[in-house]
């Protein structure tokens, strides 16, 4: 039997070249937790999660103090059982947020190890639906100081010229009139045939306010409105979904299969955006995807295209991978040694075993805030 010999983690902080704004916050640096699972078969699995834009220093200790001793000596291929044991260990510390993100990173590392040991890319190890590429949408359209509506339109057109037939921009920071002007500029630039997604990043607190924006957005036929409210506000998501023609998408900060089942049962989202590095890892993501598929709801996972390209490729309900052409926004790619390739708006599936990349140790050392421990 293969046994886990070591579980280690490290926190890094990667500054953004240009401060970037959402509807209600500004990001200047991104903290990531990196994880490695070593086994006595000689294979090492890697995992990771996004911690946030501050407060990363204490997170690496969670791996060591809460989970590592539960895993050393265990069979990494018993991933479902190990997930349950880690989840039980964490019950009193938190069933969402940072604790679940650390659990997610470890679970990803277990699956990566197992696929590497099998000599298969992760998407094939999971049971691929796609042969060699998956659909993607270009994610961008952030607020930046001095960025005009025309600059935003030019950015969106640039994605279309790269071959993308779907793209997403940020909304919710400005007035209704200012927001409509931004969207009108983008729609005019990209034409009617390109899908346009809108991401509000929890911009609103009540349905009447959100509806004022929806009425301004509707003529431009958005493919979805993402995270209009705080993630726990399922009732307002449900109410808004029943009052607007724009499909509601959410779930990127949600954790745990049962919370997604509640979201689905309330018909509060037409598109589920679970993030495997947030919701409980690949193990929990697959449960969520099965529940979504059983209700005819599509999966468009959030963030980390290097991870989610595999999960969309192995999910019959998978629709799009969120892809960030701009490495100044998702700067995780600065920490790895191999990048995904896109071709005409599709991502080419990795052919190397596991996730298909490793950490770039020189970059990790440069940005580290803690040692491997």
Foldseek 3Di string as FASTA:
>chain_A
DKWWAWKWKFKFKAAFPAWFDFQPDIAGIWIKMKMWIHIPVGFIFIFMFTQGRDDPPCLRVCCVPQQTVLGGGDDLVVLVVSLVVSCVSCVVPDQFHSSLLVLQRVSLRSLLRVQVVVFFESLVVLPFPDDWWAFAEAEEATDHPPQDLLNSLVVLLVRVVQQALEYEHHDQNDDLVRRLSSLVSNCVSNDLRRAYAYERPANDDAQVVVVSNLVSCPVSPHQAYENPHDPVPLVRLLVNCVVHPHFYEYAPREAAQVVLLVSVVSVSGLEYAYASSGHRHPVRVVSNLVSCVVVVGAYEHDDDLLPCRSVLRNGPRYHYYHDYPDCSVVVVVLFKDDDWDDHSRITTQAGGTRSNIDTPVVSCVVRTPGDID
